[in-house]
Amino acid sequence: MTSQQPQSAYRAIADRLRQEIQNRPSMTDLPSVSDLMAEHAVSRSTVRRALAVLHQEGLAEPLPGGGWNVRP
């Protein structure tokens, strides 16, 4: 994903996570920010923007102290 613009990158990450949530109803935790950074070769802020999209859509929620859960 290094060739994408930052705006496209965060949307692509959000799309992939959204699809994974929909395909795996038993999924409770999202990958860590650092894992997503490494997987997609993007910055922390890009991953946080993707997670914010999922939060706005009601699909994910941040955990105290870090990490993200899939909203039931």
Protein backbone atom coordinates (compact mmCIF):
# COMPACT_ATOMS: atom_id res chain seq x y z
CA MET A 1 0.00 0.00 0.00
CA THR A 2 2.95 2.32 0.01
CA SER A 3 2.04 3.66 -3.44
CA GLN A 4 -1.40 4.88 -2.34
CA GLN A 5 -2.19 8.36 -1.13
CA PRO A 6 -2.78 8.52 2.65
CA GLN A 7 -6.50 9.17 2.16
CA SER A 8 -6.84 6.09 -0.05
CA ALA A 9 -4.75 4.01 2.34
CA TYR A 10 -6.91 4.63 5.40
CA ARG A 11 -10.06 3.96 3.41
CA ALA A 12 -8.62 0.71 2.06
CA ILE A 13 -7.69 -0.39 5.59
CA ALA A 14 -11.16 0.49 6.89
CA ASP A 15 -12.73 -1.41 3.98
CA ARG A 16 -10.64 -4.50 4.65
CA LEU A 17 -11.38 -4.46 8.37
CA ARG A 18 -15.09 -3.88 7.72
CA GLN A 19 -15.18 -6.88 5.39
CA GLU A 20 -13.32 -9.02 7.91
CA ILE A 21 -15.78 -8.04 10.66
CA GLN A 22 -18.72 -8.94 8.40
CA ASN A 23 -17.16 -12.26 7.32
CA ARG A 24 -16.22 -13.32 10.86
CA PRO A 25 -19.21 -12.81 13.18
CA SER A 26 -17.26 -14.29 16.10
CA MET A 27 -14.49 -11.71 15.77
CA THR A 28 -14.13 -9.69 18.99
CA ASP A 29 -10.74 -7.94 18.72
CA LEU A 30 -9.21 -5.97 15.89
CA PRO A 31 -5.52 -6.33 15.05
CA SER A 32 -3.23 -3.99 16.96
CA VAL A 33 -2.33 -0.61 15.50
CA SER A 34 1.30 -1.71 15.16
CA ASP A 35 0.28 -4.92 13.35
CA LEU A 36 -1.88 -2.92 10.93
CA MET A 37 0.95 -0.42 10.40
CA ALA A 38 3.34 -3.22 9.47
CA GLU A 39 0.82 -5.11 7.34
CA HIS A 40 -0.12 -2.06 5.27
CA ALA A 41 3.21 -0.15 5.46
CA VAL A 42 1.51 3.01 6.70
CA SER A 43 1.88 5.44 9.59
CA ARG A 44 0.14 5.23 12.94
CA SER A 45 -2.06 8.21 12.04
CA THR A 46 -3.27 6.44 8.88
CA VAL A 47 -4.31 3.37 10.88
CA ARG A 48 -5.98 5.56 13.50
CA ARG A 49 -7.99 7.29 10.77
CA ALA A 50 -9.16 3.90 9.50
CA LEU A 51 -10.18 2.85 13.01
CA ALA A 52 -11.99 6.17 13.50
CA VAL A 53 -14.08 5.42 10.41
CA LEU A 54 -15.12 2.08 11.88
CA HIS A 55 -15.87 3.77 15.20
CA GLN A 56 -18.08 6.36 13.49
CA GLU A 57 -19.92 3.53 11.73
CA GLY A 58 -20.52 1.80 15.06
CA LEU A 59 -18.44 -1.24 14.13
CA ALA A 60 -15.53 -0.81 16.56
CA GLU A 61 -14.73 0.81 19.88
CA PRO A 62 -11.44 1.74 21.52
CA LEU A 63 -10.42 0.00 24.71
CA PRO A 64 -9.04 1.81 27.74
CA GLY A 65 -5.27 1.61 27.58
CA GLY A 66 -5.19 0.78 23.87
CA GLY A 67 -6.52 -1.71 21.40
CA TRP A 68 -9.87 -1.94 19.65
CA ASN A 69 -12.86 -4.26 19.99
CA VAL A 70 -15.52 -5.14 17.48
CA ARG A 71 -18.83 -3.75 18.73
CA PRO A 72 -21.44 -6.43 19.37
